[in-house]
Amino acid sequence: MFTNKINDKIKQYPVLQETVDALSLKNAAPRTVENYVCGISRFLDFIHYDNEFDITIEHFRNFIVYLNSTSLSKNTVNCYNSHIRFFFNAVLFKPVNPYVVPKSITRKKEIAYLFDDQVISLLKLTAADSRDDCVIKLALCCGLRINEVASLRISDIHTKGLNKIIHIRQSKRNNSRNVPMDNTVYCAIQRYAKEYHIKPGSDDYFFQYRKGHKPTIETIRRHFNSYIAAAGITTPITFHGLRHTYAVNFLRAGGDVCVLKYRMGHSSLASTSRYLHFSSNMMNNNVSFMDKLLKGV
């Protein structure tokens, strides 16, 4: 079932139906389909496509040149580049030479995460509200994305038996995974469930800021930002930074990077390996070889 936005775009540009069909073969998530359709339709708007004339590589190149002249970030321009490149390859059957329409060179984003003292300050404040405390600990101790927290259902949480896990349903790229919960998260879940009278086994959303409604990402983000401000944390940090903090601390504790890859739901090891640099910088291994050698001399 398509959204009204996608249906409107297809009505304006019937060729986009072929794009949707091609994406369905890749089992792309609905949100991905919408991003591609909107990105390609902006390109078709730019070239004033009338559903008749031939679309050329020169059109593609001119569009990217135009985008680079705007205030859009290089990462955003590269997203448009990927969407249109897919359109040319999968729909128009016109391979794009990467030297003719190259992607912009971008710097890797810095990973923002919380240090130990900042984590403690944050959790001291969230302890006053069992719901917000549980929300933040799911990201901080299990690495959940904000949309995964918002989409979590009661039936996805399994606390009975030795294997206490959280089932993440079809998140990014339609992938599902099981994430084990530590004792900190388990206690937070039990406290919240007791205080808010959560009925086990229900398929209702686990967190509800309005009864019967799925929590919005904006609501979760707003609550998080208020705690960050109250804790006096001046480092620019978003809710996603809690996920980064989980990854860094998992590796600091000696966790395996391949295990972390699965728990984070990454599609490639390269996405996970970037945390190795940050975790190694935080290891308590500052004892020098000479200090050991000369000890007691």
C-alpha atoms as a PDB file:
ATOM      1  CA  MET A   1       0.000   0.000   0.000  1.00  0.00           C
ATOM      2  CA  PHE A   2       1.533   3.282  -1.125  1.00  0.00           C
ATOM      3  CA  THR A   3       1.238   6.583   0.683  1.00  0.00           C
ATOM      4  CA  ASN A   4      -0.721   9.405  -0.923  1.00  0.00           C
ATOM      5  CA  LYS A   5       2.574  11.156  -1.626  1.00  0.00           C
ATOM      6  CA  ILE A   6       3.875   8.226  -3.686  1.00  0.00           C
ATOM      7  CA  ASN A   7       0.571   7.807  -5.524  1.00  0.00           C
ATOM      8  CA  ASP A   8       0.540  11.508  -6.423  1.00  0.00           C
ATOM      9  CA  LYS A   9       4.109  11.321  -7.759  1.00  0.00           C
ATOM     10  CA  ILE A  10       3.300   8.245  -9.859  1.00  0.00           C
ATOM     11  CA  LYS A  11       0.210   9.956 -11.236  1.00  0.00           C
ATOM     12  CA  GLN A  12       2.357  12.903 -12.302  1.00  0.00           C
ATOM     13  CA  TYR A  13       5.183  10.712 -13.628  1.00  0.00           C
ATOM     14  CA  PRO A  14       3.980   7.188 -14.557  1.00  0.00           C
ATOM     15  CA  VAL A  15       7.617   6.097 -15.097  1.00  0.00           C
ATOM     16  CA  LEU A  16       8.001   6.147 -11.300  1.00  0.00           C
ATOM     17  CA  GLN A  17       5.815   3.023 -11.123  1.00  0.00           C
ATOM     18  CA  GLU A  18       8.694   1.150 -12.750  1.00  0.00           C
ATOM     19  CA  THR A  19      10.984   2.536 -10.068  1.00  0.00           C
ATOM     20  CA  VAL A  20       8.687   1.243  -7.337  1.00  0.00           C
ATOM     21  CA  ASP A  21       8.546  -2.168  -9.028  1.00  0.00           C
ATOM     22  CA  ALA A  22      12.341  -2.291  -9.230  1.00  0.00           C
ATOM     23  CA  LEU A  23      12.647  -1.379  -5.545  1.00  0.00           C
ATOM     24  CA  SER A  24      10.116  -4.070  -4.605  1.00  0.00           C
ATOM     25  CA  LEU A  25      12.439  -6.638  -6.166  1.00  0.00           C
ATOM     26  CA  LYS A  26      15.066  -5.463  -3.679  1.00  0.00           C
ATOM     27  CA  ASN A  27      12.511  -5.783  -0.849  1.00  0.00           C
ATOM     28  CA  ALA A  28      13.094  -2.120  -0.018  1.00  0.00           C
ATOM     29  CA  ALA A  29      11.388  -0.706   3.061  1.00  0.00           C
ATOM     30  CA  PRO A  30       8.376   1.611   2.493  1.00  0.00           C
ATOM     31  CA  ARG A  31      10.325   4.587   3.780  1.00  0.00           C
ATOM     32  CA  THR A  32      13.153   3.814   1.342  1.00  0.00           C
ATOM     33  CA  VAL A  33      10.689   3.615  -1.547  1.00  0.00           C
ATOM     34  CA  GLU A  34       9.251   7.002  -0.618  1.00  0.00           C
ATOM     35  CA  ASN A  35      12.726   8.571  -0.388  1.00  0.00           C
ATOM     36  CA  TYR A  36      13.662   7.255  -3.830  1.00  0.00           C
ATOM     37  CA  VAL A  37      10.378   8.323  -5.433  1.00  0.00           C
ATOM     38  CA  CYS A  38      10.607  11.821  -3.972  1.00  0.00           C
ATOM     39  CA  GLY A  39      14.270  12.184  -4.949  1.00  0.00           C
ATOM     40  CA  ILE A  40      13.706  11.043  -8.527  1.00  0.00           C
ATOM     41  CA  SER A  41      10.565  13.160  -8.922  1.00  0.00           C
ATOM     42  CA  ARG A  42      12.567  16.239  -7.923  1.00  0.00           C
ATOM     43  CA  PHE A  43      14.988  15.394 -10.716  1.00  0.00           C
ATOM     44  CA  LEU A  44      12.081  15.022 -13.172  1.00  0.00           C
ATOM     45  CA  ASP A  45      10.718  18.383 -12.016  1.00  0.00           C
ATOM     46  CA  PHE A  46      14.126  19.945 -12.657  1.00  0.00           C
ATOM     47  CA  ILE A  47      14.289  18.727 -16.270  1.00  0.00           C
ATOM     48  CA  HIS A  48      10.579  19.543 -16.833  1.00  0.00           C
ATOM     49  CA  TYR A  49       9.879  15.982 -17.874  1.00  0.00           C
ATOM     50  CA  ASP A  50       6.640  15.584 -19.839  1.00  0.00           C
ATOM     51  CA  ASN A  51       6.578  11.745 -19.914  1.00  0.00           C
ATOM     52  CA  GLU A  52       7.737  11.766 -23.541  1.00  0.00           C
ATOM     53  CA  PHE A  53      11.275  13.007 -24.310  1.00  0.00           C
ATOM     54  CA  ASP A  54      14.396  10.912 -23.754  1.00  0.00           C
ATOM     55  CA  ILE A  55      16.127  11.360 -20.412  1.00  0.00           C
ATOM     56  CA  THR A  56      19.895  11.576 -20.850  1.00  0.00           C
ATOM     57  CA  ILE A  57      23.002  11.382 -18.702  1.00  0.00           C
ATOM     58  CA  GLU A  58      23.498  15.077 -19.437  1.00  0.00           C
ATOM     59  CA  HIS A  59      20.216  15.788 -17.622  1.00  0.00           C
ATOM     60  CA  PHE A  60      21.532  13.831 -14.648  1.00  0.00           C
ATOM     61  CA  ARG A  61      24.859  15.654 -14.669  1.00  0.00           C
ATOM     62  CA  ASN A  62      23.224  19.079 -14.894  1.00  0.00           C
ATOM     63  CA  PHE A  63      20.960  18.269 -11.959  1.00  0.00           C
ATOM     64  CA  ILE A  64      23.878  17.257  -9.742  1.00  0.00           C
ATOM     65  CA  VAL A  65      25.784  20.396 -10.756  1.00  0.00           C
ATOM     66  CA  TYR A  66      22.718  22.417  -9.761  1.00  0.00           C
ATOM     67  CA  LEU A  67      22.388  20.662  -6.388  1.00  0.00           C
ATOM     68  CA  ASN A  68      26.046  21.312  -5.632  1.00  0.00           C
ATOM     69  CA  SER A  69      25.388  25.028  -6.140  1.00  0.00           C
ATOM     70  CA  THR A  70      22.701  25.031  -3.449  1.00  0.00           C
ATOM     71  CA  SER A  71      23.047  24.972   0.329  1.00  0.00           C
ATOM     72  CA  LEU A  72      22.389  21.225   0.477  1.00  0.00           C
ATOM     73  CA  SER A  73      25.039  19.168   2.257  1.00  0.00           C
ATOM     74  CA  LYS A  74      27.304  16.920   0.210  1.00  0.00           C
ATOM     75  CA  ASN A  75      25.747  13.888   1.902  1.00  0.00           C
ATOM     76  CA  THR A  76      22.281  14.990   0.786  1.00  0.00           C
ATOM     77  CA  VAL A  77      23.492  15.570  -2.771  1.00  0.00           C
ATOM     78  CA  ASN A  78      25.021  12.086  -2.739  1.00  0.00           C
ATOM     79  CA  CYS A  79      21.659  10.643  -1.703  1.00  0.00           C
ATOM     80  CA  TYR A  80      20.014  12.263  -4.738  1.00  0.00           C
ATOM     81  CA  ASN A  81      22.878  10.938  -6.833  1.00  0.00           C
ATOM     82  CA  SER A  82      22.232   7.379  -5.610  1.00  0.00           C
ATOM     83  CA  HIS A  83      18.480   7.616  -6.191  1.00  0.00           C
ATOM     84  CA  ILE A  84      18.841   8.867  -9.760  1.00  0.00           C
ATOM     85  CA  ARG A  85      21.676   6.463 -10.527  1.00  0.00           C
ATOM     86  CA  PHE A  86      19.346   3.613  -9.526  1.00  0.00           C
ATOM     87  CA  PHE A  87      16.652   5.098 -11.766  1.00  0.00           C
ATOM     88  CA  PHE A  88      19.014   5.149 -14.749  1.00  0.00           C
ATOM     89  CA  ASN A  89      20.316   1.620 -14.169  1.00  0.00           C
ATOM     90  CA  ALA A  90      17.132  -0.203 -13.140  1.00  0.00           C
ATOM     91  CA  VAL A  91      14.448   1.670 -15.090  1.00  0.00           C
ATOM     92  CA  LEU A  92      16.057   3.408 -18.058  1.00  0.00           C
ATOM     93  CA  PHE A  93      18.706   0.678 -18.520  1.00  0.00           C
ATOM     94  CA  LYS A  94      21.386   3.326 -19.007  1.00  0.00           C
ATOM     95  CA  PRO A  95      24.530   2.603 -16.989  1.00  0.00           C
ATOM     96  CA  VAL A  96      26.061   5.757 -15.523  1.00  0.00           C
ATOM     97  CA  ASN A  97      29.800   6.281 -15.797  1.00  0.00           C
ATOM     98  CA  PRO A  98      30.935   7.331 -12.281  1.00  0.00           C
ATOM     99  CA  TYR A  99      33.504   9.672 -13.842  1.00  0.00           C
ATOM    100  CA  VAL A 100      30.797  11.514 -15.770  1.00  0.00           C
ATOM    101  CA  VAL A 101      28.511  11.932 -12.748  1.00  0.00           C
ATOM    102  CA  PRO A 102      30.740  11.388  -9.705  1.00  0.00           C
ATOM    103  CA  LYS A 103      29.685  11.451  -6.103  1.00  0.00           C
ATOM    104  CA  SER A 104      30.959  14.260  -3.915  1.00  0.00           C
ATOM    105  CA  ILE A 105      33.867  13.556  -1.606  1.00  0.00           C
ATOM    106  CA  THR A 106      32.665  13.919   1.962  1.00  0.00           C
ATOM    107  CA  ARG A 107      34.294  13.787   5.346  1.00  0.00           C
ATOM    108  CA  LYS A 108      33.186  11.019   7.648  1.00  0.00           C
ATOM    109  CA  LYS A 109      30.873  12.249  10.366  1.00  0.00           C
ATOM    110  CA  GLU A 110      32.315  12.422  13.833  1.00  0.00           C
ATOM    111  CA  ILE A 111      30.684  10.002  16.241  1.00  0.00           C
ATOM    112  CA  ALA A 112      29.143  11.864  19.165  1.00  0.00           C
ATOM    113  CA  TYR A 113      28.822   9.836  22.359  1.00  0.00           C
ATOM    114  CA  LEU A 114      28.630  10.390  26.112  1.00  0.00           C
ATOM    115  CA  PHE A 115      31.509   9.963  28.532  1.00  0.00           C
ATOM    116  CA  ASP A 116      31.038   8.028  31.757  1.00  0.00           C
ATOM    117  CA  ASP A 117      30.435  11.081  33.952  1.00  0.00           C
ATOM    118  CA  GLN A 118      27.855  12.397  31.483  1.00  0.00           C
ATOM    119  CA  VAL A 119      26.015   9.068  31.455  1.00  0.00           C
ATOM    120  CA  ILE A 120      25.843   9.119  35.256  1.00  0.00           C
ATOM    121  CA  SER A 121      24.541  12.701  35.294  1.00  0.00           C
ATOM    122  CA  LEU A 122      21.877  11.831  32.727  1.00  0.00           C
ATOM    123  CA  LEU A 123      20.659   8.705  34.509  1.00  0.00           C
ATOM    124  CA  LYS A 124      20.450  10.482  37.853  1.00  0.00           C
ATOM    125  CA  LEU A 125      17.827  12.739  36.286  1.00  0.00           C
ATOM    126  CA  THR A 126      15.880  10.109  34.347  1.00  0.00           C
ATOM    127  CA  ALA A 127      15.556   7.982  37.494  1.00  0.00           C
ATOM    128  CA  ALA A 128      12.640  10.227  38.533  1.00  0.00           C
ATOM    129  CA  ASP A 129      10.492   9.040  35.587  1.00  0.00           C
ATOM    130  CA  SER A 130      10.297   5.291  34.932  1.00  0.00           C
ATOM    131  CA  ARG A 131       9.107   5.717  31.347  1.00  0.00           C
ATOM    132  CA  ASP A 132      11.816   8.138  30.222  1.00  0.00           C
ATOM    133  CA  ASP A 133      14.384   6.158  32.184  1.00  0.00           C
ATOM    134  CA  CYS A 134      13.414   2.991  30.322  1.00  0.00           C
ATOM    135  CA  VAL A 135      13.380   4.728  26.932  1.00  0.00           C
ATOM    136  CA  ILE A 136      16.879   6.103  27.388  1.00  0.00           C
ATOM    137  CA  LYS A 137      18.311   2.881  28.803  1.00  0.00           C
ATOM    138  CA  LEU A 138      17.043   0.876  25.816  1.00  0.00           C
ATOM    139  CA  ALA A 139      19.206   3.048  23.579  1.00  0.00           C
ATOM    140  CA  LEU A 140      22.084   3.325  26.019  1.00  0.00           C
ATOM    141  CA  CYS A 141      22.296  -0.344  27.011  1.00  0.00           C
ATOM    142  CA  CYS A 142      20.917  -2.124  23.920  1.00  0.00           C
ATOM    143  CA  GLY A 143      21.773   0.257  21.087  1.00  0.00           C
ATOM    144  CA  LEU A 144      18.205   0.730  19.842  1.00  0.00           C
ATOM    145  CA  ARG A 145      17.489   3.450  17.292  1.00  0.00           C
ATOM    146  CA  ILE A 146      14.883   6.064  18.194  1.00  0.00           C
ATOM    147  CA  ASN A 147      12.346   4.668  15.702  1.00  0.00           C
ATOM    148  CA  GLU A 148      12.939   1.162  17.126  1.00  0.00           C
ATOM    149  CA  VAL A 149      12.132   2.428  20.615  1.00  0.00           C
ATOM    150  CA  ALA A 150       8.981   4.155  19.344  1.00  0.00           C
ATOM    151  CA  SER A 151       7.856   1.032  17.427  1.00  0.00           C
ATOM    152  CA  LEU A 152       8.510  -1.402  20.275  1.00  0.00           C
ATOM    153  CA  ARG A 153       5.487  -3.504  21.206  1.00  0.00           C
ATOM    154  CA  ILE A 154       4.800  -5.280  24.485  1.00  0.00           C
ATOM    155  CA  SER A 155       4.957  -8.670  22.778  1.00  0.00           C
ATOM    156  CA  ASP A 156       8.478  -7.858  21.506  1.00  0.00           C
ATOM    157  CA  ILE A 157       9.895  -7.926  25.026  1.00  0.00           C
ATOM    158  CA  HIS A 158      10.748 -11.376  26.390  1.00  0.00           C
ATOM    159  CA  THR A 159      11.815 -11.376  30.039  1.00  0.00           C
ATOM    160  CA  LYS A 160      11.013 -14.957  31.021  1.00  0.00           C
ATOM    161  CA  GLY A 161      13.712 -17.618  31.148  1.00  0.00           C
ATOM    162  CA  LEU A 162      17.462 -17.217  30.897  1.00  0.00           C
ATOM    163  CA  ASN A 163      17.478 -15.546  27.464  1.00  0.00           C
ATOM    164  CA  LYS A 164      15.974 -12.145  28.101  1.00  0.00           C
ATOM    165  CA  ILE A 165      15.729 -10.453  24.717  1.00  0.00           C
ATOM    166  CA  ILE A 166      14.116  -7.610  22.816  1.00  0.00           C
ATOM    167  CA  HIS A 167      12.848  -8.445  19.347  1.00  0.00           C
ATOM    168  CA  ILE A 168      13.314  -5.625  16.850  1.00  0.00           C
ATOM    169  CA  ARG A 169      10.789  -5.965  14.020  1.00  0.00           C
ATOM    170  CA  GLN A 170      11.749  -5.075  10.464  1.00  0.00           C
ATOM    171  CA  SER A 171      13.769  -1.992  11.224  1.00  0.00           C
ATOM    172  CA  LYS A 172      16.257  -0.480   8.802  1.00  0.00           C
ATOM    173  CA  ARG A 173      16.318  -2.282   5.437  1.00  0.00           C
ATOM    174  CA  ASN A 174      13.432  -4.460   6.657  1.00  0.00           C
ATOM    175  CA  ASN A 175      15.789  -6.474   8.869  1.00  0.00           C
ATOM    176  CA  SER A 176      14.718  -7.979  12.184  1.00  0.00           C
ATOM    177  CA  ARG A 177      17.011  -8.968  15.040  1.00  0.00           C
ATOM    178  CA  ASN A 178      17.056 -10.074  18.673  1.00  0.00           C
ATOM    179  CA  VAL A 179      18.992  -7.972  21.175  1.00  0.00           C
ATOM    180  CA  PRO A 180      19.807  -9.343  24.646  1.00  0.00           C
ATOM    181  CA  MET A 181      19.013  -7.087  27.568  1.00  0.00           C
ATOM    182  CA  ASP A 182      21.351  -6.606  30.505  1.00  0.00           C
ATOM    183  CA  ASN A 183      20.229  -6.351  34.115  1.00  0.00           C
ATOM    184  CA  THR A 184      20.055  -2.551  33.950  1.00  0.00           C
ATOM    185  CA  VAL A 185      17.501  -2.627  31.142  1.00  0.00           C
ATOM    186  CA  TYR A 186      15.635  -5.566  32.661  1.00  0.00           C
ATOM    187  CA  CYS A 187      15.124  -3.672  35.939  1.00  0.00           C
ATOM    188  CA  ALA A 188      14.082  -0.516  34.045  1.00  0.00           C
ATOM    189  CA  ILE A 189      11.506  -2.478  32.036  1.00  0.00           C
ATOM    190  CA  GLN A 190      10.114  -4.185  35.140  1.00  0.00           C
ATOM    191  CA  ARG A 191       9.803  -0.874  36.993  1.00  0.00           C
ATOM    192  CA  TYR A 192       8.082   0.868  34.071  1.00  0.00           C
ATOM    193  CA  ALA A 193       5.740  -2.074  33.381  1.00  0.00           C
ATOM    194  CA  LYS A 194       4.666  -2.208  37.028  1.00  0.00           C
ATOM    195  CA  GLU A 195       4.133   1.544  37.343  1.00  0.00           C
ATOM    196  CA  TYR A 196       2.179   1.838  34.063  1.00  0.00           C
ATOM    197  CA  HIS A 197       0.256  -1.455  34.471  1.00  0.00           C
ATOM    198  CA  ILE A 198       1.578  -3.026  31.263  1.00  0.00           C
ATOM    199  CA  LYS A 199      -0.217  -6.275  30.406  1.00  0.00           C
ATOM    200  CA  PRO A 200       2.239  -8.975  29.225  1.00  0.00           C
ATOM    201  CA  GLY A 201       1.678 -10.518  25.809  1.00  0.00           C
ATOM    202  CA  SER A 202      -0.309  -7.610  24.381  1.00  0.00           C
ATOM    203  CA  ASP A 203       0.527  -6.309  20.916  1.00  0.00           C
ATOM    204  CA  ASP A 204       0.038  -2.704  22.026  1.00  0.00           C
ATOM    205  CA  TYR A 205       2.914  -0.263  21.823  1.00  0.00           C
ATOM    206  CA  PHE A 206       5.139  -0.582  24.876  1.00  0.00           C
ATOM    207  CA  PHE A 207       5.557   3.169  25.307  1.00  0.00           C
ATOM    208  CA  GLN A 208       2.541   5.440  25.073  1.00  0.00           C
ATOM    209  CA  TYR A 209       2.619   9.154  25.819  1.00  0.00           C
ATOM    210  CA  ARG A 210      -0.983   9.331  24.609  1.00  0.00           C
ATOM    211  CA  LYS A 211      -3.176   6.365  25.422  1.00  0.00           C
ATOM    212  CA  GLY A 212      -3.667   4.080  22.447  1.00  0.00           C
ATOM    213  CA  HIS A 213      -1.166   5.940  20.257  1.00  0.00           C
ATOM    214  CA  LYS A 214       2.306   5.068  19.074  1.00  0.00           C
ATOM    215  CA  PRO A 215       4.801   7.544  20.545  1.00  0.00           C
ATOM    216  CA  THR A 216       6.202  10.005  18.044  1.00  0.00           C
ATOM    217  CA  ILE A 217       9.910  10.360  17.463  1.00  0.00           C
ATOM    218  CA  GLU A 218       9.548  14.092  18.120  1.00  0.00           C
ATOM    219  CA  THR A 219       8.113  13.428  21.588  1.00  0.00           C
ATOM    220  CA  ILE A 220      10.934  11.062  22.539  1.00  0.00           C
ATOM    221  CA  ARG A 221      13.508  13.490  21.187  1.00  0.00           C
ATOM    222  CA  ARG A 222      11.986  16.419  23.073  1.00  0.00           C
ATOM    223  CA  HIS A 223      12.057  14.555  26.398  1.00  0.00           C
ATOM    224  CA  PHE A 224      15.651  13.471  25.788  1.00  0.00           C
ATOM    225  CA  ASN A 225      16.797  16.995  24.946  1.00  0.00           C
ATOM    226  CA  SER A 226      15.252  18.354  28.148  1.00  0.00           C
ATOM    227  CA  TYR A 227      17.251  15.855  30.218  1.00  0.00           C
ATOM    228  CA  ILE A 228      20.473  16.672  28.359  1.00  0.00           C
ATOM    229  CA  ALA A 229      19.959  20.368  29.101  1.00  0.00           C
ATOM    230  CA  ALA A 230      19.098  19.710  32.768  1.00  0.00           C
ATOM    231  CA  ALA A 231      22.198  17.534  33.158  1.00  0.00           C
ATOM    232  CA  GLY A 232      24.362  20.401  31.946  1.00  0.00           C
ATOM    233  CA  ILE A 233      25.759  18.387  29.053  1.00  0.00           C
ATOM    234  CA  THR A 234      27.038  20.921  26.545  1.00  0.00           C
ATOM    235  CA  THR A 235      28.507  18.427  24.075  1.00  0.00           C
ATOM    236  CA  PRO A 236      26.275  18.392  20.949  1.00  0.00           C
ATOM    237  CA  ILE A 237      24.476  15.079  21.328  1.00  0.00           C
ATOM    238  CA  THR A 238      21.316  13.612  19.824  1.00  0.00           C
ATOM    239  CA  PHE A 239      19.274  10.606  20.904  1.00  0.00           C
ATOM    240  CA  HIS A 240      21.239   8.603  18.324  1.00  0.00           C
ATOM    241  CA  GLY A 241      24.329   9.450  20.367  1.00  0.00           C
ATOM    242  CA  LEU A 242      23.071   6.999  23.014  1.00  0.00           C
ATOM    243  CA  ARG A 243      23.355   4.257  20.405  1.00  0.00           C
ATOM    244  CA  HIS A 244      26.910   5.378  19.657  1.00  0.00           C
ATOM    245  CA  THR A 245      27.651   5.335  23.391  1.00  0.00           C
ATOM    246  CA  TYR A 246      26.396   1.753  23.612  1.00  0.00           C
ATOM    247  CA  ALA A 247      28.659   0.650  20.749  1.00  0.00           C
ATOM    248  CA  VAL A 248      31.765   2.346  22.125  1.00  0.00           C
ATOM    249  CA  ASN A 249      31.219   0.927  25.621  1.00  0.00           C
ATOM    250  CA  PHE A 250      30.492  -2.572  24.258  1.00  0.00           C
ATOM    251  CA  LEU A 251      33.919  -2.611  22.597  1.00  0.00           C
ATOM    252  CA  ARG A 252      35.592  -0.993  25.608  1.00  0.00           C
ATOM    253  CA  ALA A 253      34.347  -3.907  27.676  1.00  0.00           C
ATOM    254  CA  GLY A 254      36.033  -6.352  25.289  1.00  0.00           C
ATOM    255  CA  GLY A 255      32.998  -7.218  23.172  1.00  0.00           C
ATOM    256  CA  ASP A 256      33.457  -8.781  19.746  1.00  0.00           C
ATOM    257  CA  VAL A 257      32.950  -6.420  16.801  1.00  0.00           C
ATOM    258  CA  CYS A 258      31.061  -9.112  14.840  1.00  0.00           C
ATOM    259  CA  VAL A 259      28.619  -9.582  17.718  1.00  0.00           C
ATOM    260  CA  LEU A 260      28.184  -5.817  17.897  1.00  0.00           C
ATOM    261  CA  LYS A 261      27.451  -5.726  14.150  1.00  0.00           C
ATOM    262  CA  TYR A 262      24.465  -8.033  14.651  1.00  0.00           C
ATOM    263  CA  ARG A 263      23.207  -6.256  17.765  1.00  0.00           C
ATOM    264  CA  MET A 264      23.352  -2.884  16.029  1.00  0.00           C
ATOM    265  CA  GLY A 265      21.605  -4.229  12.931  1.00  0.00           C
ATOM    266  CA  HIS A 266      24.360  -3.073  10.576  1.00  0.00           C
ATOM    267  CA  SER A 267      24.458  -4.456   7.048  1.00  0.00           C
ATOM    268  CA  SER A 268      28.246  -4.306   6.792  1.00  0.00           C
ATOM    269  CA  LEU A 269      31.157  -4.713   9.180  1.00  0.00           C
ATOM    270  CA  ALA A 270      32.577  -1.406   7.942  1.00  0.00           C
ATOM    271  CA  SER A 271      29.729   0.456   9.660  1.00  0.00           C
ATOM    272  CA  THR A 272      30.567  -1.228  12.968  1.00  0.00           C
ATOM    273  CA  SER A 273      34.351  -1.052  12.701  1.00  0.00           C
ATOM    274  CA  ARG A 274      34.374   2.742  12.911  1.00  0.00           C
ATOM    275  CA  TYR A 275      33.676   2.419  16.650  1.00  0.00           C
ATOM    276  CA  LEU A 276      36.974   0.588  17.211  1.00  0.00           C
ATOM    277  CA  HIS A 277      38.940   3.822  16.969  1.00  0.00           C
ATOM    278  CA  PHE A 278      36.866   5.568  19.629  1.00  0.00           C
ATOM    279  CA  SER A 279      36.733   2.610  22.015  1.00  0.00           C
ATOM    280  CA  SER A 280      40.510   2.079  21.864  1.00  0.00           C
ATOM    281  CA  ASN A 281      41.046   5.736  22.723  1.00  0.00           C
ATOM    282  CA  MET A 282      39.057   5.231  25.944  1.00  0.00           C
ATOM    283  CA  MET A 283      40.838   2.094  27.189  1.00  0.00           C
ATOM    284  CA  ASN A 284      42.553   2.310  30.565  1.00  0.00           C
ATOM    285  CA  ASN A 285      45.867   1.095  29.187  1.00  0.00           C
ATOM    286  CA  ASN A 286      48.050   4.089  29.981  1.00  0.00           C
ATOM    287  CA  VAL A 287      50.699   2.121  31.840  1.00  0.00           C
ATOM    288  CA  SER A 288      53.965   2.421  29.893  1.00  0.00           C
ATOM    289  CA  PHE A 289      56.379  -0.393  29.184  1.00  0.00           C
ATOM    290  CA  MET A 290      59.179   1.499  30.963  1.00  0.00           C
ATOM    291  CA  ASP A 291      57.016   2.094  34.039  1.00  0.00           C
ATOM    292  CA  LYS A 292      56.551  -1.654  34.338  1.00  0.00           C
ATOM    293  CA  LEU A 293      60.196  -2.412  33.625  1.00  0.00           C
ATOM    294  CA  LEU A 294      61.586   0.057  36.122  1.00  0.00           C
ATOM    295  CA  LYS A 295      59.007  -0.569  38.861  1.00  0.00           C
ATOM    296  CA  GLY A 296      60.833  -1.100  42.124  1.00  0.00           C
ATOM    297  CA  VAL A 297      64.254  -0.259  40.694  1.00  0.00           C
END
